[in-house]
C-alpha atoms as a PDB file:
ATOM      1  CA  UNK A   1      84.138  74.091  80.386  1.00  0.00           C
ATOM      2  CA  UNK A   2      87.798  73.089  80.723  1.00  0.00           C
ATOM      3  CA  UNK A   3      88.922  71.383  83.914  1.00  0.00           C
ATOM      4  CA  UNK A   4      91.324  73.387  86.059  1.00  0.00           C
ATOM      5  CA  UNK A   5      93.960  71.468  87.967  1.00  0.00           C
ATOM      6  CA  UNK A   6      93.864  71.655  91.750  1.00  0.00           C
ATOM      7  CA  UNK A   7      96.919  72.722  93.750  1.00  0.00           C
ATOM      8  CA  UNK A   8      97.836  72.231  97.404  1.00  0.00           C
ATOM      9  CA  UNK A   9      99.739  75.474  97.937  1.00  0.00           C
ATOM     10  CA  UNK A  10     100.049  78.965  96.505  1.00  0.00           C
ATOM     11  CA  UNK A  11     102.403  79.435  93.545  1.00  0.00           C
ATOM     12  CA  UNK A  12     106.033  80.403  94.121  1.00  0.00           C
ATOM     13  CA  UNK A  13     108.444  79.980  97.008  1.00  0.00           C
ATOM     14  CA  UNK A  14     108.885  83.495  98.368  1.00  0.00           C
ATOM     15  CA  UNK A  15     107.060  85.596 100.931  1.00  0.00           C
ATOM     16  CA  UNK A  16     103.268  85.658 100.907  1.00  0.00           C
ATOM     17  CA  UNK A  17     101.426  88.751 102.196  1.00  0.00           C
ATOM     18  CA  UNK A  18      97.697  88.383 102.840  1.00  0.00           C
ATOM     19  CA  UNK A  19      95.711  91.628 103.173  1.00  0.00           C
ATOM     20  CA  UNK A  20      92.383  91.458 105.022  1.00  0.00           C
ATOM     21  CA  UNK A  21      89.753  93.828 106.329  1.00  0.00           C
ATOM     22  CA  UNK A  22      89.045  92.502 109.848  1.00  0.00           C
ATOM     23  CA  UNK A  23      90.317  89.922 112.323  1.00  0.00           C
ATOM     24  CA  UNK A  24      88.782  86.514 111.402  1.00  0.00           C
ATOM     25  CA  UNK A  25      88.839  87.190 107.639  1.00  0.00           C
ATOM     26  CA  UNK A  26      92.313  85.690 107.439  1.00  0.00           C
ATOM     27  CA  UNK A  27      91.062  82.370 108.821  1.00  0.00           C
ATOM     28  CA  UNK A  28      87.871  82.156 106.789  1.00  0.00           C
ATOM     29  CA  UNK A  29      89.253  83.284 103.423  1.00  0.00           C
ATOM     30  CA  UNK A  30      92.911  82.222 103.317  1.00  0.00           C
ATOM     31  CA  UNK A  31      93.526  80.139 106.437  1.00  0.00           C
ATOM     32  CA  UNK A  32      94.398  76.991 104.497  1.00  0.00           C
ATOM     33  CA  UNK A  33      96.570  78.809 101.996  1.00  0.00           C
ATOM     34  CA  UNK A  34      98.566  80.584 104.709  1.00  0.00           C
ATOM     35  CA  UNK A  35      98.976  77.384 106.748  1.00  0.00           C
ATOM     36  CA  UNK A  36     100.135  75.461 103.678  1.00  0.00           C
ATOM     37  CA  UNK A  37     102.655  78.161 102.728  1.00  0.00           C
ATOM     38  CA  UNK A  38     104.038  78.292 106.282  1.00  0.00           C
ATOM     39  CA  UNK A  39     104.283  74.498 106.450  1.00  0.00           C
ATOM     40  CA  UNK A  40     106.308  74.589 103.222  1.00  0.00           C
ATOM     41  CA  UNK A  41     108.802  76.960 104.841  1.00  0.00           C
ATOM     42  CA  UNK A  42     107.587  80.174 103.226  1.00  0.00           C
ATOM     43  CA  UNK A  43     107.410  83.427 105.187  1.00  0.00           C
ATOM     44  CA  UNK A  44     103.799  84.529 105.604  1.00  0.00           C
ATOM     45  CA  UNK A  45     102.712  88.030 106.621  1.00  0.00           C
ATOM     46  CA  UNK A  46      99.224  89.200 107.542  1.00  0.00           C
ATOM     47  CA  UNK A  47      98.077  92.816 107.007  1.00  0.00           C
ATOM     48  CA  UNK A  48      94.746  93.731 108.598  1.00  0.00           C
ATOM     49  CA  UNK A  49      93.112  97.084 107.846  1.00  0.00           C
ATOM     50  CA  UNK A  50      90.909  97.458 110.954  1.00  0.00           C
ATOM     51  CA  UNK A  51      90.615  96.070 114.480  1.00  0.00           C
ATOM     52  CA  UNK A  52      87.060  94.906 113.752  1.00  0.00           C
ATOM     53  CA  UNK A  53      85.596  97.000 116.540  1.00  0.00           C
ATOM     54  CA  UNK A  54      82.236  97.287 114.730  1.00  0.00           C
ATOM     55  CA  UNK A  55      81.794  93.539 114.450  1.00  0.00           C
ATOM     56  CA  UNK A  56      78.802  91.695 115.852  1.00  0.00           C
ATOM     57  CA  UNK A  57      79.181  90.172 119.321  1.00  0.00           C
ATOM     58  CA  UNK A  58      77.279  89.596 122.554  1.00  0.00           C
ATOM     59  CA  UNK A  59      76.483  92.872 124.298  1.00  0.00           C
ATOM     60  CA  UNK A  60      78.886  92.080 127.147  1.00  0.00           C
ATOM     61  CA  UNK A  61      81.794  91.892 124.686  1.00  0.00           C
ATOM     62  CA  UNK A  62      81.091  95.097 122.778  1.00  0.00           C
ATOM     63  CA  UNK A  63      83.089  97.366 125.105  1.00  0.00           C
ATOM     64  CA  UNK A  64      86.712  97.035 124.034  1.00  0.00           C
ATOM     65  CA  UNK A  65      85.761  94.684 121.196  1.00  0.00           C
ATOM     66  CA  UNK A  66      88.584  95.941 118.995  1.00  0.00           C
ATOM     67  CA  UNK A  67      91.250  95.039 121.580  1.00  0.00           C
ATOM     68  CA  UNK A  68      89.659  91.626 122.084  1.00  0.00           C
ATOM     69  CA  UNK A  69      89.598  90.939 118.359  1.00  0.00           C
ATOM     70  CA  UNK A  70      93.229  91.883 117.962  1.00  0.00           C
ATOM     71  CA  UNK A  71      94.135  89.394 120.686  1.00  0.00           C
ATOM     72  CA  UNK A  72      92.070  86.771 118.861  1.00  0.00           C
ATOM     73  CA  UNK A  73      93.875  87.660 115.636  1.00  0.00           C
ATOM     74  CA  UNK A  74      97.234  86.979 117.252  1.00  0.00           C
ATOM     75  CA  UNK A  75      96.086  83.520 118.333  1.00  0.00           C
ATOM     76  CA  UNK A  76      94.725  82.810 114.874  1.00  0.00           C
ATOM     77  CA  UNK A  77      97.989  83.900 113.256  1.00  0.00           C
ATOM     78  CA  UNK A  78      99.915  81.598 115.589  1.00  0.00           C
ATOM     79  CA  UNK A  79      97.682  78.665 114.614  1.00  0.00           C
ATOM     80  CA  UNK A  80      98.332  79.377 110.937  1.00  0.00           C
ATOM     81  CA  UNK A  81     102.097  79.797 111.314  1.00  0.00           C
ATOM     82  CA  UNK A  82     102.045  83.471 110.284  1.00  0.00           C
ATOM     83  CA  UNK A  83     105.414  85.124 110.899  1.00  0.00           C
ATOM     84  CA  UNK A  84     104.267  88.764 111.180  1.00  0.00           C
ATOM     85  CA  UNK A  85     101.005  90.626 111.722  1.00  0.00           C
ATOM     86  CA  UNK A  86     100.677  94.262 110.601  1.00  0.00           C
ATOM     87  CA  UNK A  87      97.712  96.285 111.871  1.00  0.00           C
ATOM     88  CA  UNK A  88      96.941  99.361 109.784  1.00  0.00           C
ATOM     89  CA  UNK A  89      94.653 100.745 112.495  1.00  0.00           C
ATOM     90  CA  UNK A  90      91.842 102.146 110.352  1.00  0.00           C
ATOM     91  CA  UNK A  91      88.302 102.418 111.662  1.00  0.00           C
ATOM     92  CA  UNK A  92      85.940  99.494 111.046  1.00  0.00           C
ATOM     93  CA  UNK A  93      83.172 100.756 108.741  1.00  0.00           C
ATOM     94  CA  UNK A  94      80.494  98.345 109.952  1.00  0.00           C
ATOM     95  CA  UNK A  95      78.498  96.077 107.682  1.00  0.00           C
ATOM     96  CA  UNK A  96      75.845  98.567 106.553  1.00  0.00           C
ATOM     97  CA  UNK A  97      76.352 102.142 105.396  1.00  0.00           C
ATOM     98  CA  UNK A  98      80.003 102.920 106.219  1.00  0.00           C
ATOM     99  CA  UNK A  99      80.462 104.971 109.360  1.00  0.00           C
ATOM    100  CA  UNK A 100      81.979 108.439 108.848  1.00  0.00           C
ATOM    101  CA  UNK A 101      85.745 108.111 108.810  1.00  0.00           C
ATOM    102  CA  UNK A 102      85.490 104.341 108.353  1.00  0.00           C
ATOM    103  CA  UNK A 103      88.048 102.474 106.284  1.00  0.00           C
ATOM    104  CA  UNK A 104      85.636 102.131 103.376  1.00  0.00           C
ATOM    105  CA  UNK A 105      85.223 105.925 103.122  1.00  0.00           C
ATOM    106  CA  UNK A 106      88.941 106.657 102.665  1.00  0.00           C
ATOM    107  CA  UNK A 107      90.619 107.405  99.363  1.00  0.00           C
ATOM    108  CA  UNK A 108      92.233 104.111  98.273  1.00  0.00           C
ATOM    109  CA  UNK A 109      95.157 106.069  96.848  1.00  0.00           C
ATOM    110  CA  UNK A 110      95.845 107.491 100.310  1.00  0.00           C
ATOM    111  CA  UNK A 111      95.915 104.056 101.960  1.00  0.00           C
ATOM    112  CA  UNK A 112      97.769 102.203  99.183  1.00  0.00           C
ATOM    113  CA  UNK A 113     101.235 103.436 100.264  1.00  0.00           C
ATOM    114  CA  UNK A 114     100.747 101.741 103.664  1.00  0.00           C
ATOM    115  CA  UNK A 115     100.264  98.352 101.968  1.00  0.00           C
ATOM    116  CA  UNK A 116     102.938  99.037  99.362  1.00  0.00           C
ATOM    117  CA  UNK A 117     105.442  99.741 102.140  1.00  0.00           C
ATOM    118  CA  UNK A 118     104.845  96.298 103.674  1.00  0.00           C
ATOM    119  CA  UNK A 119     105.093  94.589 100.273  1.00  0.00           C
ATOM    120  CA  UNK A 120     108.375  96.399  99.592  1.00  0.00           C
ATOM    121  CA  UNK A 121     109.812  95.767 103.067  1.00  0.00           C
ATOM    122  CA  UNK A 122     108.968  92.056 102.855  1.00  0.00           C
ATOM    123  CA  UNK A 123     110.093  91.715  99.224  1.00  0.00           C
ATOM    124  CA  UNK A 124     106.796  89.901  98.726  1.00  0.00           C
ATOM    125  CA  UNK A 125     106.505  87.420  95.889  1.00  0.00           C
ATOM    126  CA  UNK A 126     102.712  87.156  96.192  1.00  0.00           C
ATOM    127  CA  UNK A 127      99.933  89.222  97.755  1.00  0.00           C
ATOM    128  CA  UNK A 128      96.311  88.197  98.317  1.00  0.00           C
ATOM    129  CA  UNK A 129      93.268  90.424  98.464  1.00  0.00           C
ATOM    130  CA  UNK A 130      89.516  90.021  97.710  1.00  0.00           C
ATOM    131  CA  UNK A 131      87.542  89.937  94.480  1.00  0.00           C
ATOM    132  CA  UNK A 132      85.870  93.072  93.154  1.00  0.00           C
ATOM    133  CA  UNK A 133      82.640  92.395  95.041  1.00  0.00           C
ATOM    134  CA  UNK A 134      84.558  92.018  98.283  1.00  0.00           C
ATOM    135  CA  UNK A 135      83.204  88.474  98.378  1.00  0.00           C
ATOM    136  CA  UNK A 136      79.789  88.964  99.957  1.00  0.00           C
ATOM    137  CA  UNK A 137      79.905  92.753  99.598  1.00  0.00           C
ATOM    138  CA  UNK A 138      81.154  94.147 102.921  1.00  0.00           C
ATOM    139  CA  UNK A 139      82.314  97.722 102.213  1.00  0.00           C
ATOM    140  CA  UNK A 140      85.660  97.167 103.967  1.00  0.00           C
ATOM    141  CA  UNK A 141      86.317  94.104 101.796  1.00  0.00           C
ATOM    142  CA  UNK A 142      85.594  96.093  98.637  1.00  0.00           C
ATOM    143  CA  UNK A 143      87.987  98.760  99.936  1.00  0.00           C
ATOM    144  CA  UNK A 144      90.746  96.188 100.490  1.00  0.00           C
ATOM    145  CA  UNK A 145      90.283  95.117  96.874  1.00  0.00           C
ATOM    146  CA  UNK A 146      90.748  98.711  95.702  1.00  0.00           C
ATOM    147  CA  UNK A 147      93.649  99.512  98.057  1.00  0.00           C
ATOM    148  CA  UNK A 148      95.690  96.421  97.166  1.00  0.00           C
ATOM    149  CA  UNK A 149      95.238  97.002  93.452  1.00  0.00           C
ATOM    150  CA  UNK A 150      96.432 100.580  93.961  1.00  0.00           C
ATOM    151  CA  UNK A 151      99.394  99.366  96.031  1.00  0.00           C
ATOM    152  CA  UNK A 152     100.431  96.895  93.343  1.00  0.00           C
ATOM    153  CA  UNK A 153     100.213  99.657  90.730  1.00  0.00           C
ATOM    154  CA  UNK A 154     102.473 101.877  92.868  1.00  0.00           C
ATOM    155  CA  UNK A 155     105.197  99.205  92.910  1.00  0.00           C
ATOM    156  CA  UNK A 156     105.251  98.869  89.137  1.00  0.00           C
ATOM    157  CA  UNK A 157     107.885  96.381  87.943  1.00  0.00           C
ATOM    158  CA  UNK A 158     108.606  95.388  91.552  1.00  0.00           C
ATOM    159  CA  UNK A 159     105.001  94.388  92.289  1.00  0.00           C
ATOM    160  CA  UNK A 160     104.263  90.869  93.545  1.00  0.00           C
ATOM    161  CA  UNK A 161     101.774  88.554  91.889  1.00  0.00           C
ATOM    162  CA  UNK A 162      98.224  89.408  92.956  1.00  0.00           C
ATOM    163  CA  UNK A 163      95.663  86.730  93.818  1.00  0.00           C
ATOM    164  CA  UNK A 164      92.183  87.791  94.882  1.00  0.00           C
ATOM    165  CA  UNK A 165      90.432  85.448  97.307  1.00  0.00           C
ATOM    166  CA  UNK A 166      86.864  84.500  96.454  1.00  0.00           C
ATOM    167  CA  UNK A 167      84.435  81.580  96.469  1.00  0.00           C
ATOM    168  CA  UNK A 168      82.737  79.867  93.544  1.00  0.00           C
ATOM    169  CA  UNK A 169      79.397  81.642  93.235  1.00  0.00           C
ATOM    170  CA  UNK A 170      77.572  78.437  92.275  1.00  0.00           C
ATOM    171  CA  UNK A 171      78.704  76.747  95.473  1.00  0.00           C
ATOM    172  CA  UNK A 172      77.644  79.728  97.586  1.00  0.00           C
ATOM    173  CA  UNK A 173      74.190  79.782  96.024  1.00  0.00           C
ATOM    174  CA  UNK A 174      73.739  76.061  96.652  1.00  0.00           C
ATOM    175  CA  UNK A 175      74.789  76.513 100.288  1.00  0.00           C
ATOM    176  CA  UNK A 176      72.398  79.462 100.617  1.00  0.00           C
ATOM    177  CA  UNK A 177      69.470  77.345  99.484  1.00  0.00           C
ATOM    178  CA  UNK A 178      70.430  74.669 101.992  1.00  0.00           C
ATOM    179  CA  UNK A 179      70.689  77.167 104.859  1.00  0.00           C
ATOM    180  CA  UNK A 180      67.324  78.698 104.037  1.00  0.00           C
ATOM    181  CA  UNK A 181      65.809  75.242 104.221  1.00  0.00           C
ATOM    182  CA  UNK A 182      67.531  74.460 107.533  1.00  0.00           C
ATOM    183  CA  UNK A 183      66.421  77.833 108.868  1.00  0.00           C
ATOM    184  CA  UNK A 184      62.885  76.491 109.101  1.00  0.00           C
ATOM    185  CA  UNK A 185      63.927  74.108 111.903  1.00  0.00           C
ATOM    186  CA  UNK A 186      67.351  75.298 113.177  1.00  0.00           C
ATOM    187  CA  UNK A 187      68.951  78.637 114.171  1.00  0.00           C
ATOM    188  CA  UNK A 188      71.245  79.476 111.243  1.00  0.00           C
ATOM    189  CA  UNK A 189      72.841  82.747 110.048  1.00  0.00           C
ATOM    190  CA  UNK A 190      70.609  85.024 107.958  1.00  0.00           C
ATOM    191  CA  UNK A 191      71.367  84.534 104.272  1.00  0.00           C
ATOM    192  CA  UNK A 192      71.375  87.718 102.133  1.00  0.00           C
ATOM    193  CA  UNK A 193      70.927  87.772  98.361  1.00  0.00           C
ATOM    194  CA  UNK A 194      74.263  86.539  96.985  1.00  0.00           C
ATOM    195  CA  UNK A 195      73.314  86.136  93.332  1.00  0.00           C
ATOM    196  CA  UNK A 196      75.735  88.856  92.239  1.00  0.00           C
ATOM    197  CA  UNK A 197      78.431  88.234  94.839  1.00  0.00           C
ATOM    198  CA  UNK A 198      81.648  86.193  94.778  1.00  0.00           C
ATOM    199  CA  UNK A 199      82.946  84.864  91.421  1.00  0.00           C
ATOM    200  CA  UNK A 200      81.430  82.610  88.755  1.00  0.00           C
ATOM    201  CA  UNK A 201      83.134  79.227  88.474  1.00  0.00           C
ATOM    202  CA  UNK A 202      84.494  79.887  84.984  1.00  0.00           C
ATOM    203  CA  UNK A 203      86.409  82.949  86.213  1.00  0.00           C
ATOM    204  CA  UNK A 204      88.277  81.119  89.000  1.00  0.00           C
ATOM    205  CA  UNK A 205      91.947  80.701  88.090  1.00  0.00           C
ATOM    206  CA  UNK A 206      93.295  78.871  91.159  1.00  0.00           C
ATOM    207  CA  UNK A 207      91.508  76.341  93.352  1.00  0.00           C
ATOM    208  CA  UNK A 208      93.480  75.138  96.384  1.00  0.00           C
ATOM    209  CA  UNK A 209      92.923  71.830  98.106  1.00  0.00           C
ATOM    210  CA  UNK A 210      93.615  72.758 101.748  1.00  0.00           C
ATOM    211  CA  UNK A 211      92.201  69.666 103.445  1.00  0.00           C
ATOM    212  CA  UNK A 212      95.653  68.864 104.858  1.00  0.00           C
ATOM    213  CA  UNK A 213      95.522  72.223 106.661  1.00  0.00           C
ATOM    214  CA  UNK A 214      92.043  71.682 108.090  1.00  0.00           C
ATOM    215  CA  UNK A 215      93.370  71.434 111.679  1.00  0.00           C
ATOM    216  CA  UNK A 216      95.131  74.805 111.777  1.00  0.00           C
ATOM    217  CA  UNK A 217      92.361  76.449 109.763  1.00  0.00           C
ATOM    218  CA  UNK A 218      89.648  75.317 112.178  1.00  0.00           C
ATOM    219  CA  UNK A 219      91.806  76.324 115.161  1.00  0.00           C
ATOM    220  CA  UNK A 220      92.259  79.750 113.593  1.00  0.00           C
ATOM    221  CA  UNK A 221      88.502  80.186 113.099  1.00  0.00           C
ATOM    222  CA  UNK A 222      87.852  78.992 116.672  1.00  0.00           C
ATOM    223  CA  UNK A 223      90.369  81.566 117.987  1.00  0.00           C
ATOM    224  CA  UNK A 224      87.887  84.287 117.047  1.00  0.00           C
ATOM    225  CA  UNK A 225      85.531  83.477 119.922  1.00  0.00           C
ATOM    226  CA  UNK A 226      83.871  86.902 119.921  1.00  0.00           C
ATOM    227  CA  UNK A 227      82.646  86.245 116.384  1.00  0.00           C
ATOM    228  CA  UNK A 228      80.858  83.086 117.441  1.00  0.00           C
ATOM    229  CA  UNK A 229      78.487  85.076 119.685  1.00  0.00           C
ATOM    230  CA  UNK A 230      75.655  87.534 119.146  1.00  0.00           C
ATOM    231  CA  UNK A 231      73.189  85.129 117.521  1.00  0.00           C
ATOM    232  CA  UNK A 232      73.583  82.447 114.827  1.00  0.00           C
ATOM    233  CA  UNK A 233      77.042  83.029 113.334  1.00  0.00           C
ATOM    234  CA  UNK A 234      78.887  81.430 110.431  1.00  0.00           C
ATOM    235  CA  UNK A 235      82.080  80.861 112.458  1.00  0.00           C
ATOM    236  CA  UNK A 236      80.183  79.083 115.219  1.00  0.00           C
ATOM    237  CA  UNK A 237      78.484  76.821 112.710  1.00  0.00           C
ATOM    238  CA  UNK A 238      81.764  75.984 110.955  1.00  0.00           C
ATOM    239  CA  UNK A 239      83.692  74.940 114.070  1.00  0.00           C
ATOM    240  CA  UNK A 240      80.825  72.689 115.202  1.00  0.00           C
ATOM    241  CA  UNK A 241      80.443  70.802 111.918  1.00  0.00           C
ATOM    242  CA  UNK A 242      81.393  67.127 111.889  1.00  0.00           C
ATOM    243  CA  UNK A 243      84.888  66.580 110.514  1.00  0.00           C
ATOM    244  CA  UNK A 244      83.645  65.131 107.227  1.00  0.00           C
ATOM    245  CA  UNK A 245      81.485  68.202 106.605  1.00  0.00           C
ATOM    246  CA  UNK A 246      84.337  70.516 107.589  1.00  0.00           C
ATOM    247  CA  UNK A 247      86.511  68.882 104.931  1.00  0.00           C
ATOM    248  CA  UNK A 248      83.793  69.492 102.394  1.00  0.00           C
ATOM    249  CA  UNK A 249      82.973  73.052 103.415  1.00  0.00           C
ATOM    250  CA  UNK A 250      86.426  74.338 104.417  1.00  0.00           C
ATOM    251  CA  UNK A 251      88.706  72.123 102.354  1.00  0.00           C
ATOM    252  CA  UNK A 252      88.916  74.345  99.255  1.00  0.00           C
ATOM    253  CA  UNK A 253      89.979  77.970  98.810  1.00  0.00           C
ATOM    254  CA  UNK A 254      89.539  79.907  95.586  1.00  0.00           C
ATOM    255  CA  UNK A 255      91.482  82.720  93.942  1.00  0.00           C
ATOM    256  CA  UNK A 256      91.497  84.785  90.789  1.00  0.00           C
ATOM    257  CA  UNK A 257      94.912  85.872  89.584  1.00  0.00           C
ATOM    258  CA  UNK A 258      95.079  89.449  88.325  1.00  0.00           C
ATOM    259  CA  UNK A 259      97.303  89.647  85.211  1.00  0.00           C
ATOM    260  CA  UNK A 260     100.323  91.895  85.542  1.00  0.00           C
ATOM    261  CA  UNK A 261     100.445  94.806  83.114  1.00  0.00           C
ATOM    262  CA  UNK A 262     102.499  94.109  80.016  1.00  0.00           C
ATOM    263  CA  UNK A 263     105.899  95.749  80.426  1.00  0.00           C
ATOM    264  CA  UNK A 264     107.244  97.854  77.576  1.00  0.00           C
END
């Protein structure tokens, strides 16, 4: 297997638009990349499909959870240096079978113009999305993958480069085994079967070293306080890790670049 060089920032110098499904996804998936781009003087824009109103949280937070999560998103964006946040306002589908009318149930072709309009307005050089599995398989993440691909197709020759955020599958599986072991003695998040999720190492095309952006990335994750409640949660675990472990766990972000169609 050939060695791929690491980079410290996303390719290019122009505007970066990151499209995500829910508040907190931006911090977990692309927080380092966005912070690095902003620190380099690039304009960064965040597009979020839903308010995350169906997310897990303590019972006392569930009423008005969408409004709370939007406020948390604004604080996260500030920590990452994001210049603009665009809320598409679709309904959170939930993590199981998508709720009727949820974002995941919509025709991607009907939503794609909303994303394409932002890309065109911002004259985006690069857009990020999720891999085909939506990372760990959340239906709204899979829908973002489909919608952004459709939006890029709509723009044709004017489309930005498309990078799909993911994680090396081998690393996820190793972490899953560790968590299952720790679960015998500590409260840790439930680990689903991830054997077919995320992206095999050999298919990763860009691996970012974002350890220099660990501070803003952790602050962005911590901004989503509602998502650190309601039982053992990944975000809660991440912000409480010792710094050395945070560097190891949060210090890399992975992407797969989608080749642009060959122009005639």
